[in-house]
Amino acid sequence: MYGLRDPIFTKYKDLNERINHPPPQISPSIWMEMVQKWTDPNWVEMSDKNEENREKSELAATGGSAPLPVGQGNDEFDDESDEETADETAAA
């Protein structure tokens, strides 16, 4: 969404100007809802807090949207339970 919002919000500072200049791929009614959400004081406050938190982070998220396999990096799973799972999978 940042790619949609930033060029319009940078170019137009007035709320009505922002609403009246939607990107071509977004319908005007949807764009108006998006602009209203992005300018809502509660949303702006939450966005600012999230930005501060991202700046404080020393770690980069590299996992993407792919889920980790169950038990990976978890000490409660031992080699024996992994072998049982492998045997069950092979038998199926």
Protein backbone atom coordinates (compact mmCIF):
# COMPACT_ATOMS: atom_id res chain seq x y z
CA MET A 1 0.00 0.00 0.00
CA TYR A 2 2.92 2.32 0.63
CA GLY A 3 3.64 2.35 -3.10
CA LEU A 4 0.10 3.58 -3.76
CA ARG A 5 -0.09 6.05 -0.92
CA ASP A 6 3.30 7.73 -0.89
CA PRO A 7 3.32 9.37 -4.34
CA ILE A 8 -0.15 10.87 -3.82
CA PHE A 9 0.45 11.91 -0.20
CA THR A 10 3.80 13.48 -1.11
CA LYS A 11 2.37 15.44 -4.03
CA TYR A 12 -0.91 16.53 -2.41
CA LYS A 13 -1.01 17.77 1.19
CA ASP A 14 -4.71 18.66 1.29
CA LEU A 15 -7.17 15.86 2.16
CA ASN A 16 -9.58 16.74 -0.67
CA GLU A 17 -6.74 16.84 -3.21
CA ARG A 18 -5.58 13.40 -2.06
CA ILE A 19 -9.10 12.00 -2.37
CA ASN A 20 -9.61 13.56 -5.80
CA HIS A 21 -6.43 12.07 -7.30
CA PRO A 22 -6.72 8.29 -6.97
CA PRO A 23 -4.26 6.00 -8.74
CA PRO A 24 -5.70 4.74 -12.04
CA GLN A 25 -5.96 1.14 -10.82
CA ILE A 26 -8.13 2.02 -7.78
CA SER A 27 -11.79 3.00 -7.96
CA PRO A 28 -12.53 6.47 -6.52
CA SER A 29 -14.87 5.09 -3.83
CA ILE A 30 -12.27 2.58 -2.58
CA TRP A 31 -9.53 5.22 -2.74
CA MET A 32 -11.62 7.59 -0.63
CA GLU A 33 -12.01 4.90 2.06
CA MET A 34 -8.28 4.22 1.99
CA VAL A 35 -7.37 7.92 2.33
CA GLN A 36 -9.84 8.33 5.19
CA LYS A 37 -8.30 5.35 6.98
CA TRP A 38 -4.72 6.56 6.43
CA THR A 39 -5.56 10.01 7.80
CA ASP A 40 -7.52 8.77 10.82
CA PRO A 41 -5.67 9.97 13.99
CA ASN A 42 -5.75 6.48 15.54
CA TRP A 43 -4.26 4.93 12.42
CA VAL A 44 -1.58 7.63 12.17
CA GLU A 45 -0.62 7.08 15.82
CA MET A 46 -0.36 3.32 15.35
CA SER A 47 1.62 3.77 12.15
CA ASP A 48 4.08 6.13 13.85
CA LYS A 49 4.59 3.67 16.73
CA ASN A 50 5.19 0.82 14.29
CA GLU A 51 7.72 2.91 12.38
CA GLU A 52 9.60 3.66 15.63
CA ASN A 53 9.61 -0.03 16.52
CA ARG A 54 10.94 -1.02 13.09
CA GLU A 55 13.76 1.50 13.48
CA LYS A 56 14.71 0.00 16.88
CA SER A 57 14.87 -3.55 15.55
CA GLU A 58 18.36 -4.93 15.14
CA LEU A 59 17.18 -8.07 13.36
CA ALA A 60 15.98 -8.35 9.81
CA ALA A 61 12.95 -10.54 9.18
CA THR A 62 13.97 -13.07 6.56
CA GLY A 63 11.31 -15.74 6.96
CA GLY A 64 8.83 -14.29 4.53
CA SER A 65 5.41 -15.86 4.52
CA ALA A 66 6.59 -19.50 4.40
CA PRO A 67 5.73 -21.41 7.59
CA LEU A 68 8.48 -23.21 9.47
CA PRO A 69 8.17 -27.00 9.72
CA VAL A 70 6.75 -28.18 13.04
CA GLY A 71 9.50 -28.76 15.57
CA GLN A 72 12.28 -27.00 13.71
CA GLY A 73 14.52 -25.35 16.25
CA ASN A 74 12.36 -26.57 19.13
CA ASP A 75 14.21 -28.49 21.86
CA GLU A 76 11.13 -30.39 23.02
CA PHE A 77 11.29 -32.53 19.88
CA ASP A 78 14.02 -35.14 19.96
CA ASP A 79 15.53 -37.43 17.32
CA GLU A 80 13.31 -40.35 18.36
CA SER A 81 10.07 -38.48 17.60
CA ASP A 82 11.53 -37.38 14.24
CA GLU A 83 12.26 -41.01 13.39
CA GLU A 84 8.71 -42.04 14.31
CA THR A 85 7.30 -39.33 12.05
CA ALA A 86 9.58 -40.43 9.21
CA ASP A 87 8.46 -44.08 9.67
CA GLU A 88 4.78 -43.06 9.64
CA THR A 89 5.28 -40.97 6.50
CA ALA A 90 7.10 -43.80 4.72
CA ALA A 91 4.36 -46.27 5.62
CA ALA A 92 1.63 -44.05 4.18
